[in-house]
């Protein structure tokens, strides 16, 4: 057994006390199926975070690497910009559109359901991009 180092001070219980909770602070009940994100309690709904059945179009989007990460999706959707249903388009058309949007520095994401969201500040330029790629149409 080694001798204690004479230059180290012994531990005291005072250094290891657990902080006490303020009695006036309300306690936030958190269940096992809950997640706290940025101070907001979010209840997880069973099966909602997973796609039960993936359509061929959705699989093509996944294979093309066009599905956004959740954090990127949240950033764009939070701006309240426009959204576009892409399910009626071919995957080649979607890839062409995404390449054009990328070239024009237009912020966009595609969710797992095949819906494209565009940053609110890029709405006008996104509409112009759709017109440039597909011709004037309503999306």
C-alpha atoms as a PDB file:
ATOM      1  CA  UNK A   1       0.000   0.000   0.000  1.00  0.00           C
ATOM      2  CA  UNK A   2       1.349   3.431  -0.900  1.00  0.00           C
ATOM      3  CA  UNK A   3       1.683   6.345   1.468  1.00  0.00           C
ATOM      4  CA  UNK A   4      -0.592   9.338   0.903  1.00  0.00           C
ATOM      5  CA  UNK A   5       0.967  12.308  -0.852  1.00  0.00           C
ATOM      6  CA  UNK A   6       1.744  14.912   1.830  1.00  0.00           C
ATOM      7  CA  UNK A   7       1.124  17.782  -0.629  1.00  0.00           C
ATOM      8  CA  UNK A   8      -2.497  16.795  -1.327  1.00  0.00           C
ATOM      9  CA  UNK A   9      -5.227  17.937   0.987  1.00  0.00           C
ATOM     10  CA  UNK A  10      -7.654  15.301   2.157  1.00  0.00           C
ATOM     11  CA  UNK A  11     -11.131  15.311   0.571  1.00  0.00           C
ATOM     12  CA  UNK A  12     -13.819  16.844   2.629  1.00  0.00           C
ATOM     13  CA  UNK A  13     -17.518  16.070   2.488  1.00  0.00           C
ATOM     14  CA  UNK A  14     -18.163  19.759   1.888  1.00  0.00           C
ATOM     15  CA  UNK A  15     -16.506  19.495  -1.555  1.00  0.00           C
ATOM     16  CA  UNK A  16     -18.872  16.670  -2.551  1.00  0.00           C
ATOM     17  CA  UNK A  17     -22.218  18.013  -1.370  1.00  0.00           C
ATOM     18  CA  UNK A  18     -25.076  17.704  -3.814  1.00  0.00           C
ATOM     19  CA  UNK A  19     -26.763  20.994  -4.652  1.00  0.00           C
ATOM     20  CA  UNK A  20     -30.155  21.324  -3.038  1.00  0.00           C
ATOM     21  CA  UNK A  21     -33.232  22.146  -5.082  1.00  0.00           C
ATOM     22  CA  UNK A  22     -35.028  25.413  -4.498  1.00  0.00           C
ATOM     23  CA  UNK A  23     -38.319  24.591  -2.770  1.00  0.00           C
ATOM     24  CA  UNK A  24     -40.106  27.372  -4.721  1.00  0.00           C
ATOM     25  CA  UNK A  25     -39.036  26.030  -8.124  1.00  0.00           C
ATOM     26  CA  UNK A  26     -41.777  23.893  -9.706  1.00  0.00           C
ATOM     27  CA  UNK A  27     -40.756  20.378 -10.600  1.00  0.00           C
ATOM     28  CA  UNK A  28     -41.140  19.426 -14.258  1.00  0.00           C
ATOM     29  CA  UNK A  29     -42.589  15.934 -14.469  1.00  0.00           C
ATOM     30  CA  UNK A  30     -40.841  13.957 -17.171  1.00  0.00           C
ATOM     31  CA  UNK A  31     -42.051  10.538 -18.161  1.00  0.00           C
ATOM     32  CA  UNK A  32     -39.833   7.845 -19.597  1.00  0.00           C
ATOM     33  CA  UNK A  33     -41.286   8.487 -23.072  1.00  0.00           C
ATOM     34  CA  UNK A  34     -40.538  12.209 -22.989  1.00  0.00           C
ATOM     35  CA  UNK A  35     -37.688  14.216 -24.350  1.00  0.00           C
ATOM     36  CA  UNK A  36     -36.744  17.765 -23.384  1.00  0.00           C
ATOM     37  CA  UNK A  37     -35.561  19.825 -26.342  1.00  0.00           C
ATOM     38  CA  UNK A  38     -34.437  23.413 -25.765  1.00  0.00           C
ATOM     39  CA  UNK A  39     -36.558  23.695 -22.634  1.00  0.00           C
ATOM     40  CA  UNK A  40     -39.702  22.377 -24.295  1.00  0.00           C
ATOM     41  CA  UNK A  41     -41.162  19.063 -23.231  1.00  0.00           C
ATOM     42  CA  UNK A  42     -41.952  16.918 -26.234  1.00  0.00           C
ATOM     43  CA  UNK A  43     -43.948  13.727 -25.827  1.00  0.00           C
ATOM     44  CA  UNK A  44     -42.882  10.960 -28.136  1.00  0.00           C
ATOM     45  CA  UNK A  45     -45.761   9.354 -29.966  1.00  0.00           C
ATOM     46  CA  UNK A  46     -45.232   5.658 -30.475  1.00  0.00           C
ATOM     47  CA  UNK A  47     -44.462   4.838 -34.099  1.00  0.00           C
ATOM     48  CA  UNK A  48     -44.564   8.464 -35.232  1.00  0.00           C
ATOM     49  CA  UNK A  49     -40.801   8.862 -35.529  1.00  0.00           C
ATOM     50  CA  UNK A  50     -40.514   5.875 -37.821  1.00  0.00           C
ATOM     51  CA  UNK A  51     -41.838   5.454 -41.321  1.00  0.00           C
ATOM     52  CA  UNK A  52     -43.835   2.254 -41.324  1.00  0.00           C
ATOM     53  CA  UNK A  53     -43.801   1.738 -45.064  1.00  0.00           C
ATOM     54  CA  UNK A  54     -41.450   3.434 -47.503  1.00  0.00           C
ATOM     55  CA  UNK A  55     -42.794   4.149 -50.974  1.00  0.00           C
ATOM     56  CA  UNK A  56     -40.559   3.633 -54.023  1.00  0.00           C
ATOM     57  CA  UNK A  57     -40.356   7.426 -54.398  1.00  0.00           C
ATOM     58  CA  UNK A  58     -39.254   7.831 -50.776  1.00  0.00           C
ATOM     59  CA  UNK A  59     -36.685   5.073 -51.242  1.00  0.00           C
ATOM     60  CA  UNK A  60     -35.360   6.871 -54.336  1.00  0.00           C
ATOM     61  CA  UNK A  61     -35.036  10.095 -52.295  1.00  0.00           C
ATOM     62  CA  UNK A  62     -33.138   8.192 -49.603  1.00  0.00           C
ATOM     63  CA  UNK A  63     -30.877   6.548 -52.196  1.00  0.00           C
ATOM     64  CA  UNK A  64     -30.171   9.933 -53.810  1.00  0.00           C
ATOM     65  CA  UNK A  65     -29.226  11.361 -50.388  1.00  0.00           C
ATOM     66  CA  UNK A  66     -31.929  14.021 -50.564  1.00  0.00           C
ATOM     67  CA  UNK A  67     -33.639  13.371 -47.216  1.00  0.00           C
ATOM     68  CA  UNK A  68     -32.683  16.058 -44.701  1.00  0.00           C
ATOM     69  CA  UNK A  69     -31.354  15.451 -41.228  1.00  0.00           C
ATOM     70  CA  UNK A  70     -33.901  16.324 -38.545  1.00  0.00           C
ATOM     71  CA  UNK A  71     -31.968  19.351 -37.306  1.00  0.00           C
ATOM     72  CA  UNK A  72     -31.689  20.795 -40.838  1.00  0.00           C
ATOM     73  CA  UNK A  73     -35.364  20.114 -41.448  1.00  0.00           C
ATOM     74  CA  UNK A  74     -36.336  21.901 -38.247  1.00  0.00           C
ATOM     75  CA  UNK A  75     -34.246  24.970 -39.132  1.00  0.00           C
ATOM     76  CA  UNK A  76     -35.970  25.447 -42.495  1.00  0.00           C
ATOM     77  CA  UNK A  77     -39.501  24.496 -41.421  1.00  0.00           C
ATOM     78  CA  UNK A  78     -39.264  26.919 -38.475  1.00  0.00           C
ATOM     79  CA  UNK A  79     -38.978  29.839 -40.930  1.00  0.00           C
ATOM     80  CA  UNK A  80     -42.562  29.234 -42.123  1.00  0.00           C
ATOM     81  CA  UNK A  81     -41.504  29.173 -45.748  1.00  0.00           C
ATOM     82  CA  UNK A  82     -43.352  27.428 -48.573  1.00  0.00           C
ATOM     83  CA  UNK A  83     -43.594  23.683 -49.002  1.00  0.00           C
ATOM     84  CA  UNK A  84     -43.962  21.662 -52.165  1.00  0.00           C
ATOM     85  CA  UNK A  85     -45.308  18.139 -52.672  1.00  0.00           C
ATOM     86  CA  UNK A  86     -42.826  16.210 -54.769  1.00  0.00           C
ATOM     87  CA  UNK A  87     -44.573  12.820 -54.849  1.00  0.00           C
ATOM     88  CA  UNK A  88     -45.953  13.337 -58.373  1.00  0.00           C
ATOM     89  CA  UNK A  89     -42.495  14.106 -59.790  1.00  0.00           C
ATOM     90  CA  UNK A  90     -39.897  11.696 -61.088  1.00  0.00           C
ATOM     91  CA  UNK A  91     -36.771  11.281 -59.006  1.00  0.00           C
ATOM     92  CA  UNK A  92     -34.733  12.629 -61.944  1.00  0.00           C
ATOM     93  CA  UNK A  93     -36.809  15.841 -61.911  1.00  0.00           C
ATOM     94  CA  UNK A  94     -36.327  16.199 -58.165  1.00  0.00           C
ATOM     95  CA  UNK A  95     -32.566  15.714 -58.513  1.00  0.00           C
ATOM     96  CA  UNK A  96     -32.458  18.340 -61.296  1.00  0.00           C
ATOM     97  CA  UNK A  97     -34.437  20.757 -59.132  1.00  0.00           C
ATOM     98  CA  UNK A  98     -32.220  20.171 -56.091  1.00  0.00           C
ATOM     99  CA  UNK A  99     -29.072  20.741 -58.153  1.00  0.00           C
ATOM    100  CA  UNK A 100     -30.520  24.006 -59.470  1.00  0.00           C
ATOM    101  CA  UNK A 101     -31.544  25.158 -55.976  1.00  0.00           C
ATOM    102  CA  UNK A 102     -28.078  24.289 -54.685  1.00  0.00           C
ATOM    103  CA  UNK A 103     -26.425  26.216 -57.527  1.00  0.00           C
ATOM    104  CA  UNK A 104     -28.581  29.262 -56.731  1.00  0.00           C
ATOM    105  CA  UNK A 105     -27.809  29.007 -52.970  1.00  0.00           C
ATOM    106  CA  UNK A 106     -31.491  28.526 -52.123  1.00  0.00           C
ATOM    107  CA  UNK A 107     -31.986  26.881 -48.732  1.00  0.00           C
ATOM    108  CA  UNK A 108     -34.203  23.791 -48.979  1.00  0.00           C
ATOM    109  CA  UNK A 109     -34.805  20.427 -47.327  1.00  0.00           C
ATOM    110  CA  UNK A 110     -36.859  17.347 -48.125  1.00  0.00           C
ATOM    111  CA  UNK A 111     -38.534  15.346 -45.365  1.00  0.00           C
ATOM    112  CA  UNK A 112     -39.125  11.592 -45.236  1.00  0.00           C
ATOM    113  CA  UNK A 113     -42.600  12.005 -46.730  1.00  0.00           C
ATOM    114  CA  UNK A 114     -41.217  13.576 -49.905  1.00  0.00           C
ATOM    115  CA  UNK A 115     -42.213  17.147 -49.166  1.00  0.00           C
ATOM    116  CA  UNK A 116     -39.773  19.977 -49.933  1.00  0.00           C
ATOM    117  CA  UNK A 117     -39.523  22.954 -47.595  1.00  0.00           C
ATOM    118  CA  UNK A 118     -37.830  26.201 -48.609  1.00  0.00           C
ATOM    119  CA  UNK A 119     -36.526  28.928 -46.318  1.00  0.00           C
ATOM    120  CA  UNK A 120     -38.978  31.806 -46.131  1.00  0.00           C
ATOM    121  CA  UNK A 121     -36.398  34.341 -47.328  1.00  0.00           C
ATOM    122  CA  UNK A 122     -35.768  32.250 -50.455  1.00  0.00           C
ATOM    123  CA  UNK A 123     -39.423  31.800 -51.457  1.00  0.00           C
ATOM    124  CA  UNK A 124     -39.392  34.120 -54.474  1.00  0.00           C
ATOM    125  CA  UNK A 125     -36.145  32.668 -55.814  1.00  0.00           C
ATOM    126  CA  UNK A 126     -37.437  29.116 -55.240  1.00  0.00           C
ATOM    127  CA  UNK A 127     -40.552  29.874 -57.290  1.00  0.00           C
ATOM    128  CA  UNK A 128     -38.290  31.212 -60.053  1.00  0.00           C
ATOM    129  CA  UNK A 129     -36.187  28.035 -59.800  1.00  0.00           C
ATOM    130  CA  UNK A 130     -39.267  25.823 -60.193  1.00  0.00           C
ATOM    131  CA  UNK A 131     -40.272  27.876 -63.255  1.00  0.00           C
ATOM    132  CA  UNK A 132     -36.749  27.624 -64.705  1.00  0.00           C
ATOM    133  CA  UNK A 133     -36.567  23.852 -64.248  1.00  0.00           C
ATOM    134  CA  UNK A 134     -40.167  22.851 -65.061  1.00  0.00           C
ATOM    135  CA  UNK A 135     -41.719  25.854 -66.808  1.00  0.00           C
ATOM    136  CA  UNK A 136     -44.391  28.073 -65.281  1.00  0.00           C
ATOM    137  CA  UNK A 137     -46.694  25.921 -63.143  1.00  0.00           C
ATOM    138  CA  UNK A 138     -48.381  26.104 -59.776  1.00  0.00           C
ATOM    139  CA  UNK A 139     -46.857  23.873 -57.119  1.00  0.00           C
END
